[in-house]
Amino acid sequence: MLVVQKYGGTSVGSLERIRAVAQKAVKCKKEGNDVVLVVSAMSGETDRLIGLANELSESPKEREIDMLLSSGERVSAALTSIAIEALGVKAMSFTGRQVGIVTDDFHTKAKIKSIDGARVREALKGGHIAVIAGFQGITNDFTDVTTLGRGGSDLTAVAIAAALKADLCEIYTDVEGVYTTDPNIVKKARKLDKISYDEMLELASLGAKVLQTRSVEFAKNYNVPVLVKSSFKDVPGTLVTKEDKEMESVVVAGIAYDKKQTKLTIRAVPDRPGIAATLFDYLSRSEIIVDMIVQNVSIDGKSTDISFTVPTTDAKKALNITKEVSAELGAKGVTYDDDIVKISVVGVGMRTHSGVAAKMFKTLSEKNINIMMISTSEIKISVLIDAKYTELAVRELHDTFELENADATIHTDVS
């Protein structure tokens, strides 16, 4: 059996923890498995490096940021390999380039194009545990180091598992699995035994911090089973896998929230065809992901407001672009609000059950929580509300959909 294990920053945050990771890997190897490890930088290291760069420049080049940040994972990989060797088992560490992880050339948010993996296969055949520096790759012409964005080691692990046709990809983290919501807010939040790729993808994109969104997309596309487990407790985790009929019987699987959203509104835009296309074309050229969009009804037929949300990390860039477009189009200006939160209910059962939206909206209204924006998909309903209501909204919705009870039959009729 070929097992890929990924360990996050807290899991390799000290030499003591690196030794514990080495012991887990060796145990898996001695059970008769081929083992590949993917490791993140030691806890706090990425932020430390970013801080150093920002002390030297207000806007360091993204190419240099990639060169800088990729060093953190290389340190972790080498130290983990040394720790494994100290336990009497052969190990070999690799950078993203040595593995042949080829990406596009979009620095700090690169996308994987292909993985060679020949050196890893060779190491496994030689009886080694392969230890790979996560979060990084190399451009197609093999000239520049790239990084895959925050949480990119998850993506590295799943992509490696797909390329090597691994039997299982284990993501070790500082939580015990995927919960119905944040257990720091709802103490009775329940750990899920399994969750579908689609549900996990929605939860990850909506603020759940367990897995990086792109890693879940990769797992779904290549049918890689992903097991989320705790690095610190030997307890069962949560399996992210293909949807089955049992999952569909559960209307809502989880509640997510995302405070890292910013709402921008371009005011009094001329109400004519092509205006929205112009605005969002400019944003897309800068690789800014737009989430919720609301265009107000034009009362006079002459002007309208367009509101949309972007990740807070892209907010300044989006604000500058929107201001430029506003001036070009003759709008009356742009407003900015980052004191907001996106609350979402997610479940594949929503495809076959009605009334979830009504139940959600009724619950919020009973607590006098105003909804600013709404977006939906087949298995998700998201609303934008004031950030001060985050915990109240999450707790009330968790109770409304009885998520603490694995055997609850959820009735969505609110008539």
Protein backbone atom coordinates (compact mmCIF):
# COMPACT_ATOMS: atom_id res chain seq x y z
CA MET A 1 0.00 0.00 0.00
CA LEU A 2 1.29 3.49 -0.88
CA VAL A 3 0.42 6.15 1.69
CA VAL A 4 1.06 9.88 1.36
CA GLN A 5 1.11 11.72 4.68
CA LYS A 6 1.05 15.51 5.00
CA TYR A 7 2.10 17.31 8.17
CA GLY A 8 1.28 20.99 8.73
CA GLY A 9 3.31 23.69 10.45
CA THR A 10 2.16 22.90 13.99
CA SER A 11 2.96 19.22 13.42
CA VAL A 12 6.60 20.08 12.62
CA GLY A 13 6.77 23.15 14.84
CA SER A 14 9.70 21.94 16.97
CA LEU A 15 12.39 19.27 16.94
CA GLU A 16 10.33 17.25 19.42
CA ARG A 17 7.35 17.32 17.07
CA ILE A 18 9.52 16.51 14.06
CA ARG A 19 10.73 13.41 15.94
CA ALA A 20 7.09 12.46 16.57
CA VAL A 21 6.34 12.82 12.83
CA ALA A 22 9.36 10.66 12.05
CA GLN A 23 8.09 7.98 14.43
CA LYS A 24 4.65 7.98 12.77
CA ALA A 25 6.23 7.64 9.33
CA VAL A 26 8.52 4.83 10.45
CA LYS A 27 5.60 3.00 12.08
CA CYS A 28 3.63 3.23 8.82
CA LYS A 29 6.67 1.97 6.89
CA LYS A 30 7.19 -0.98 9.23
CA GLU A 31 3.53 -1.95 8.75
CA GLY A 32 4.49 -2.81 5.18
CA ASN A 33 3.59 0.42 3.39
CA ASP A 34 5.51 2.65 1.02
CA VAL A 35 5.48 6.10 2.61
CA VAL A 36 5.75 9.61 1.21
CA LEU A 37 5.71 12.61 3.55
CA VAL A 38 4.84 16.16 2.57
CA VAL A 39 5.75 18.79 5.15
CA SER A 40 4.96 22.45 5.70
CA ALA A 41 7.32 25.04 7.12
CA MET A 42 7.74 25.00 10.89
CA SER A 43 4.91 26.85 12.68
CA GLY A 44 5.32 30.62 12.39
CA GLU A 45 8.20 30.45 9.92
CA THR A 46 6.27 31.67 6.87
CA ASP A 47 4.92 34.67 8.78
CA ARG A 48 8.42 35.41 10.09
CA LEU A 49 9.87 35.43 6.59
CA ILE A 50 7.07 37.62 5.26
CA GLY A 51 7.73 40.02 8.13
CA LEU A 52 11.40 40.26 7.22
CA ALA A 53 10.55 40.98 3.59
CA ASN A 54 8.07 43.68 4.57
CA GLU A 55 10.65 45.35 6.80
CA LEU A 56 12.88 45.76 3.76
CA SER A 57 10.22 46.82 1.25
CA GLU A 58 6.58 47.88 1.19
CA SER A 59 6.03 45.87 -1.99
CA PRO A 60 8.64 43.15 -2.47
CA LYS A 61 8.55 41.39 -5.83
CA GLU A 62 6.45 38.24 -5.80
CA ARG A 63 9.27 36.28 -7.47
CA GLU A 64 11.53 37.05 -4.51
CA ILE A 65 8.77 36.24 -2.05
CA ASP A 66 8.52 32.77 -3.60
CA MET A 67 12.27 32.27 -3.34
CA LEU A 68 12.13 33.34 0.29
CA LEU A 69 9.07 31.42 1.46
CA SER A 70 9.96 28.14 -0.25
CA SER A 71 13.00 27.89 2.04
CA GLY A 72 10.81 27.16 5.07
CA GLU A 73 9.51 23.87 3.68
CA ARG A 74 12.96 22.80 2.54
CA VAL A 75 14.23 23.18 6.11
CA SER A 76 11.35 21.06 7.46
CA ALA A 77 11.86 18.36 4.82
CA ALA A 78 15.58 18.03 5.51
CA LEU A 79 15.11 17.95 9.29
CA THR A 80 12.33 15.35 9.03
CA SER A 81 14.50 13.18 6.79
CA ILE A 82 17.37 13.43 9.29
CA ALA A 83 15.01 12.45 12.13
CA ILE A 84 13.79 9.38 10.21
CA GLU A 85 17.37 8.29 9.46
CA ALA A 86 18.15 8.61 13.17
CA LEU A 87 15.49 5.94 13.79
CA GLY A 88 17.32 3.53 11.51
CA VAL A 89 15.12 3.87 8.41
CA LYS A 90 16.33 5.24 5.08
CA ALA A 91 14.90 8.59 4.07
CA MET A 92 15.50 11.18 1.36
CA SER A 93 14.23 14.76 1.15
CA PHE A 94 13.19 16.55 -2.04
CA THR A 95 12.32 20.07 -3.12
CA GLY A 96 9.36 20.71 -5.41
CA ARG A 97 11.77 21.07 -8.32
CA GLN A 98 13.47 17.73 -7.58
CA VAL A 99 10.09 16.03 -7.57
CA GLY A 100 9.23 17.66 -10.89
CA ILE A 101 6.23 19.70 -9.72
CA VAL A 102 5.79 21.98 -12.72
CA THR A 103 3.51 25.00 -12.35
CA ASP A 104 2.47 28.07 -14.27
CA ASP A 105 4.47 31.25 -13.66
CA PHE A 106 1.94 33.09 -11.47
CA HIS A 107 4.05 33.74 -8.39
CA THR A 108 2.59 33.24 -4.88
CA LYS A 109 -0.54 31.53 -6.31
CA ALA A 110 0.89 29.12 -8.87
CA LYS A 111 -1.21 26.28 -10.28
CA ILE A 112 0.21 22.81 -10.81
CA LYS A 113 0.46 21.77 -14.45
CA SER A 114 2.22 18.40 -14.13
CA ILE A 115 4.22 16.19 -11.78
CA ASP A 116 7.01 13.89 -12.93
CA GLY A 117 7.68 12.06 -9.65
CA ALA A 118 10.40 9.80 -11.10
CA ARG A 119 12.88 10.50 -8.31
CA VAL A 120 10.26 9.78 -5.66
CA ARG A 121 9.40 6.44 -7.28
CA GLU A 122 13.09 5.60 -7.41
CA ALA A 123 13.53 6.44 -3.74
CA LEU A 124 10.54 4.28 -2.77
CA LYS A 125 11.93 1.35 -4.75
CA GLY A 126 15.16 1.75 -2.82
CA GLY A 127 13.31 1.39 0.47
CA HIS A 128 13.41 5.06 1.41
CA ILE A 129 10.71 7.18 2.98
CA ALA A 130 10.43 10.15 0.63
CA VAL A 131 10.07 13.54 2.34
CA ILE A 132 8.85 16.34 0.08
CA ALA A 133 8.91 20.08 0.75
CA GLY A 134 5.32 21.19 0.30
CA PHE A 135 3.89 24.43 -1.04
CA GLN A 136 6.31 24.81 -3.93
CA GLY A 137 7.06 24.03 -7.56
CA ILE A 138 9.04 25.23 -10.54
CA THR A 139 8.02 27.10 -13.68
CA ASN A 140 7.67 25.22 -16.96
CA ASP A 141 11.11 26.37 -18.17
CA PHE A 142 12.68 25.27 -14.85
CA THR A 143 14.01 28.78 -14.16
CA ASP A 144 11.94 30.13 -11.26
CA VAL A 145 10.68 28.75 -7.95
CA THR A 146 6.95 29.19 -7.39
CA THR A 147 4.68 28.73 -4.40
CA LEU A 148 1.10 27.43 -4.37
CA GLY A 149 -0.53 29.89 -1.96
CA ARG A 150 -1.49 29.54 1.69
CA GLY A 151 -2.22 25.93 2.58
CA GLY A 152 -0.33 24.83 -0.52
CA SER A 153 1.21 21.83 1.22
CA ASP A 154 -2.25 20.22 1.25
CA LEU A 155 -2.32 20.63 -2.52
CA THR A 156 1.19 19.21 -2.85
CA ALA A 157 0.19 16.12 -0.88
CA VAL A 158 -3.00 15.42 -2.84
CA ALA A 159 -1.29 16.11 -6.18
CA ILE A 160 1.58 13.77 -5.28
CA ALA A 161 -0.92 11.11 -4.20
CA ALA A 162 -2.69 11.47 -7.56
CA ALA A 163 0.55 11.36 -9.56
CA LEU A 164 1.85 8.28 -7.72
CA LYS A 165 -1.60 6.63 -7.65
CA ALA A 166 -1.41 6.35 -3.86
CA ASP A 167 -3.97 4.27 -2.01
CA LEU A 168 -4.55 6.95 0.62
CA CYS A 169 -3.62 10.55 1.37
CA GLU A 170 -3.54 11.35 5.10
CA ILE A 171 -3.63 15.01 6.12
CA TYR A 172 -2.31 15.38 9.68
CA THR A 173 -3.24 18.63 11.34
CA ASP A 174 -3.96 20.22 14.72
CA VAL A 175 -7.63 19.17 14.68
CA GLU A 176 -9.10 15.70 14.93
CA GLY A 177 -11.10 15.85 11.72
CA VAL A 178 -13.86 17.81 10.00
CA TYR A 179 -16.58 19.11 12.34
CA THR A 180 -20.14 20.23 11.72
CA THR A 181 -18.87 23.73 12.57
CA ASP A 182 -16.08 25.42 14.48
CA PRO A 183 -15.94 23.66 17.89
CA ASN A 184 -14.43 26.83 19.36
CA ILE A 185 -17.81 28.50 18.79
CA VAL A 186 -20.17 25.54 19.23
CA LYS A 187 -18.95 23.18 21.96
CA LYS A 188 -21.36 20.43 20.85
CA ALA A 189 -20.12 20.49 17.25
CA ARG A 190 -19.79 16.91 16.01
CA LYS A 191 -16.86 15.35 14.19
CA LEU A 192 -17.95 13.77 10.91
CA ASP A 193 -16.87 10.22 10.07
CA LYS A 194 -16.94 11.05 6.37
CA ILE A 195 -17.85 13.88 4.04
CA SER A 196 -18.22 14.14 0.28
CA TYR A 197 -15.72 15.94 -1.91
CA ASP A 198 -18.38 18.48 -2.87
CA GLU A 199 -19.32 19.25 0.73
CA MET A 200 -15.69 19.55 1.77
CA LEU A 201 -14.98 21.75 -1.24
CA GLU A 202 -17.77 24.11 -0.27
CA LEU A 203 -16.75 24.17 3.40
CA ALA A 204 -13.10 24.79 2.51
CA SER A 205 -13.98 27.62 0.13
CA LEU A 206 -16.34 29.13 2.71
CA GLY A 207 -13.83 29.50 5.51
CA ALA A 208 -13.38 26.06 7.08
CA LYS A 209 -9.62 25.88 7.71
CA VAL A 210 -9.15 22.11 7.73
CA LEU A 211 -8.21 21.69 4.05
CA GLN A 212 -7.11 24.06 1.32
CA THR A 213 -9.79 24.47 -1.38
CA ARG A 214 -7.60 23.57 -4.34
CA SER A 215 -6.43 20.38 -2.63
CA VAL A 216 -10.05 19.22 -2.35
CA GLU A 217 -10.66 20.04 -6.04
CA PHE A 218 -7.62 17.97 -6.95
CA ALA A 219 -8.77 15.09 -4.74
CA LYS A 220 -12.20 15.12 -6.36
CA ASN A 221 -10.86 15.34 -9.91
CA TYR A 222 -8.47 12.43 -9.41
CA ASN A 223 -10.58 10.46 -6.92
CA VAL A 224 -7.95 10.57 -4.17
CA PRO A 225 -9.36 9.44 -0.79
CA VAL A 226 -8.24 11.94 1.86
CA LEU A 227 -8.22 11.16 5.57
CA VAL A 228 -8.01 14.18 7.91
CA LYS A 229 -6.41 13.19 11.23
CA SER A 230 -4.85 14.71 14.33
CA SER A 231 -1.08 14.86 14.64
CA PHE A 232 -1.34 14.81 18.42
CA LYS A 233 -4.08 12.28 19.25
CA ASP A 234 -4.44 8.74 17.98
CA VAL A 235 -8.17 8.96 17.23
CA PRO A 236 -10.24 8.27 14.08
CA GLY A 237 -10.37 11.16 11.60
CA THR A 238 -12.72 12.20 8.81
CA LEU A 239 -12.63 10.57 5.38
CA VAL A 240 -13.20 12.87 2.40
CA THR A 241 -14.50 10.68 -0.38
CA LYS A 242 -17.06 10.15 -3.13
CA GLU A 243 -20.67 10.96 -2.39
CA ASP A 244 -22.97 8.07 -1.48
CA LYS A 245 -26.69 7.67 -0.78
CA GLU A 246 -26.15 7.78 2.96
CA MET A 247 -24.63 11.26 2.69
CA GLU A 248 -27.58 12.52 0.64
CA SER A 249 -30.00 11.62 3.43
CA VAL A 250 -28.38 14.32 5.59
CA VAL A 251 -29.75 17.69 4.48
CA VAL A 252 -27.09 19.91 6.09
CA ALA A 253 -23.62 18.58 6.84
CA GLY A 254 -22.02 21.68 8.29
CA ILE A 255 -21.99 25.41 8.99
CA ALA A 256 -19.02 27.51 7.85
CA TYR A 257 -18.08 31.12 8.34
CA ASP A 258 -15.50 33.33 6.67
CA LYS A 259 -14.41 36.66 8.16
CA LYS A 260 -11.72 37.17 5.55
CA GLN A 261 -14.11 38.79 3.10
CA THR A 262 -14.41 42.43 2.03
CA LYS A 263 -17.45 44.01 0.39
CA LEU A 264 -16.94 46.66 -2.28
CA THR A 265 -19.73 48.76 -3.76
CA ILE A 266 -19.39 50.88 -6.86
CA ARG A 267 -22.11 53.53 -6.52
CA ALA A 268 -24.37 55.07 -9.16
CA VAL A 269 -22.89 53.24 -12.14
CA PRO A 270 -24.50 54.12 -15.49
CA ASP A 271 -27.14 51.43 -16.09
CA ARG A 272 -26.27 50.17 -19.54
CA PRO A 273 -25.16 46.82 -21.03
CA GLY A 274 -21.49 45.93 -20.58
CA ILE A 275 -20.79 47.89 -17.39
CA ALA A 276 -20.58 44.84 -15.12
CA ALA A 277 -18.55 42.99 -17.76
CA THR A 278 -16.00 45.83 -17.82
CA LEU A 279 -15.61 45.91 -14.04
CA PHE A 280 -15.22 42.17 -13.54
CA ASP A 281 -12.95 41.80 -16.56
CA TYR A 282 -10.47 44.19 -14.95
CA LEU A 283 -10.61 42.21 -11.70
CA SER A 284 -10.17 38.85 -13.43
CA ARG A 285 -7.07 40.05 -15.24
CA SER A 286 -5.46 40.54 -11.83
CA GLU A 287 -6.47 37.03 -10.73
CA ILE A 288 -8.89 38.44 -8.13
CA ILE A 289 -11.63 35.98 -7.25
CA VAL A 290 -15.04 37.61 -6.88
CA ASP A 291 -17.59 35.75 -4.78
CA MET A 292 -20.97 37.31 -4.06
CA ILE A 293 -22.39 39.85 -6.50
CA VAL A 294 -25.52 41.99 -6.11
CA GLN A 295 -26.72 44.63 -8.55
CA ASN A 296 -29.48 46.86 -7.26
CA VAL A 297 -32.55 47.46 -9.38
CA SER A 298 -32.26 50.74 -11.25
CA ILE A 299 -35.23 52.90 -10.23
CA ASP A 300 -34.69 55.72 -12.69
CA GLY A 301 -33.24 53.56 -15.45
CA LYS A 302 -30.08 55.65 -15.44
CA SER A 303 -27.81 54.35 -12.67
CA THR A 304 -27.41 51.43 -10.29
CA ASP A 305 -25.12 50.15 -7.50
CA ILE A 306 -23.03 47.01 -7.86
CA SER A 307 -21.78 45.28 -4.70
CA PHE A 308 -19.43 42.31 -4.60
CA THR A 309 -17.12 40.50 -2.20
CA VAL A 310 -13.45 39.54 -2.56
CA PRO A 311 -10.96 37.83 -0.22
CA THR A 312 -9.53 40.38 2.21
CA THR A 313 -6.03 39.50 0.99
CA ASP A 314 -6.97 40.95 -2.41
CA ALA A 315 -9.07 43.83 -1.07
CA LYS A 316 -6.56 46.65 -1.55
CA LYS A 317 -5.79 45.59 -5.09
CA ALA A 318 -9.49 45.19 -5.85
CA LEU A 319 -10.28 48.59 -4.32
CA ASN A 320 -7.68 50.34 -6.47
CA ILE A 321 -8.94 48.63 -9.62
CA THR A 322 -12.57 49.41 -8.78
CA LYS A 323 -11.74 53.06 -8.16
CA GLU A 324 -10.06 53.28 -11.57
CA VAL A 325 -13.04 51.65 -13.26
CA SER A 326 -15.43 53.89 -11.31
CA ALA A 327 -13.70 57.01 -12.62
CA GLU A 328 -13.59 55.62 -16.16
CA LEU A 329 -17.31 54.79 -16.14
CA GLY A 330 -18.44 58.00 -14.48
CA ALA A 331 -19.73 56.35 -11.31
CA LYS A 332 -20.09 58.29 -8.06
CA GLY A 333 -17.44 56.42 -6.10
CA VAL A 334 -16.61 53.21 -4.25
CA THR A 335 -17.37 52.14 -0.68
CA TYR A 336 -15.46 49.52 1.29
CA ASP A 337 -16.59 47.31 4.19
CA ASP A 338 -14.48 44.62 5.84
CA ASP A 339 -16.50 44.36 9.07
CA ILE A 340 -18.56 41.52 7.60
CA VAL A 341 -18.75 37.75 7.67
CA LYS A 342 -20.07 35.14 5.25
CA ILE A 343 -22.14 32.41 6.92
CA SER A 344 -22.94 29.26 4.96
CA VAL A 345 -24.92 26.06 5.35
CA VAL A 346 -23.64 23.12 3.29
CA GLY A 347 -25.00 19.67 2.48
CA VAL A 348 -25.40 17.41 -0.55
CA GLY A 349 -28.88 16.54 0.76
CA MET A 350 -29.99 20.04 -0.23
CA ARG A 351 -30.20 18.78 -3.82
CA THR A 352 -33.21 16.67 -2.91
CA HIS A 353 -34.75 18.56 0.02
CA SER A 354 -36.52 21.90 -0.08
CA GLY A 355 -36.96 24.56 2.57
CA VAL A 356 -33.36 24.95 3.76
CA ALA A 357 -33.12 28.60 2.68
CA ALA A 358 -36.42 29.50 4.32
CA LYS A 359 -35.38 27.81 7.55
CA MET A 360 -32.01 29.57 7.51
CA PHE A 361 -33.48 33.01 6.82
CA LYS A 362 -36.19 32.55 9.46
CA THR A 363 -33.61 31.61 12.09
CA LEU A 364 -31.54 34.72 11.36
CA SER A 365 -34.55 37.02 11.27
CA GLU A 366 -35.73 35.78 14.67
CA LYS A 367 -32.40 37.01 16.06
CA ASN A 368 -32.72 40.36 14.23
CA ILE A 369 -29.72 39.59 12.02
CA ASN A 370 -29.94 41.50 8.76
CA ILE A 371 -28.85 39.79 5.53
CA MET A 372 -26.87 42.00 3.14
CA MET A 373 -26.20 39.55 0.31
CA ILE A 374 -27.15 35.99 -0.63
CA SER A 375 -25.52 33.42 -2.90
CA THR A 376 -26.43 29.79 -3.53
CA SER A 377 -25.29 26.62 -5.23
CA GLU A 378 -26.83 23.15 -5.41
CA ILE A 379 -25.45 22.25 -2.00
CA LYS A 380 -24.82 25.61 -0.34
CA ILE A 381 -26.56 28.77 0.82
CA SER A 382 -24.39 31.69 1.92
CA VAL A 383 -25.38 35.02 3.44
CA LEU A 384 -23.38 38.13 4.23
CA ILE A 385 -24.03 39.68 7.64
CA ASP A 386 -22.35 42.03 10.14
CA ALA A 387 -19.27 40.41 11.69
CA LYS A 388 -20.52 41.09 15.23
CA TYR A 389 -23.23 38.45 14.74
CA THR A 390 -20.82 35.66 13.70
CA GLU A 391 -20.97 33.47 16.79
CA LEU A 392 -24.69 34.00 17.36
CA ALA A 393 -25.54 33.08 13.77
CA VAL A 394 -23.34 29.97 13.78
CA ARG A 395 -24.75 28.70 17.08
CA GLU A 396 -28.37 29.33 16.13
CA LEU A 397 -28.05 27.67 12.72
CA HIS A 398 -26.23 24.69 14.22
CA ASP A 399 -29.14 24.25 16.64
CA THR A 400 -31.78 24.82 13.95
CA PHE A 401 -30.42 22.04 11.77
CA GLU A 402 -29.73 19.77 14.79
CA LEU A 403 -26.17 19.10 13.65
CA GLU A 404 -25.05 17.80 17.03
CA ASN A 405 -27.22 14.71 16.46
CA ALA A 406 -25.88 12.29 13.84
CA ASP A 407 -29.21 10.45 13.69
CA ALA A 408 -31.50 13.49 13.58
CA THR A 409 -34.12 13.70 10.85
CA ILE A 410 -34.05 17.32 9.72
CA HIS A 411 -37.44 18.74 8.74
CA THR A 412 -37.16 21.72 6.43
CA ASP A 413 -40.83 22.63 6.27
CA VAL A 414 -41.15 26.11 7.83
CA SER A 415 -44.81 26.76 7.00
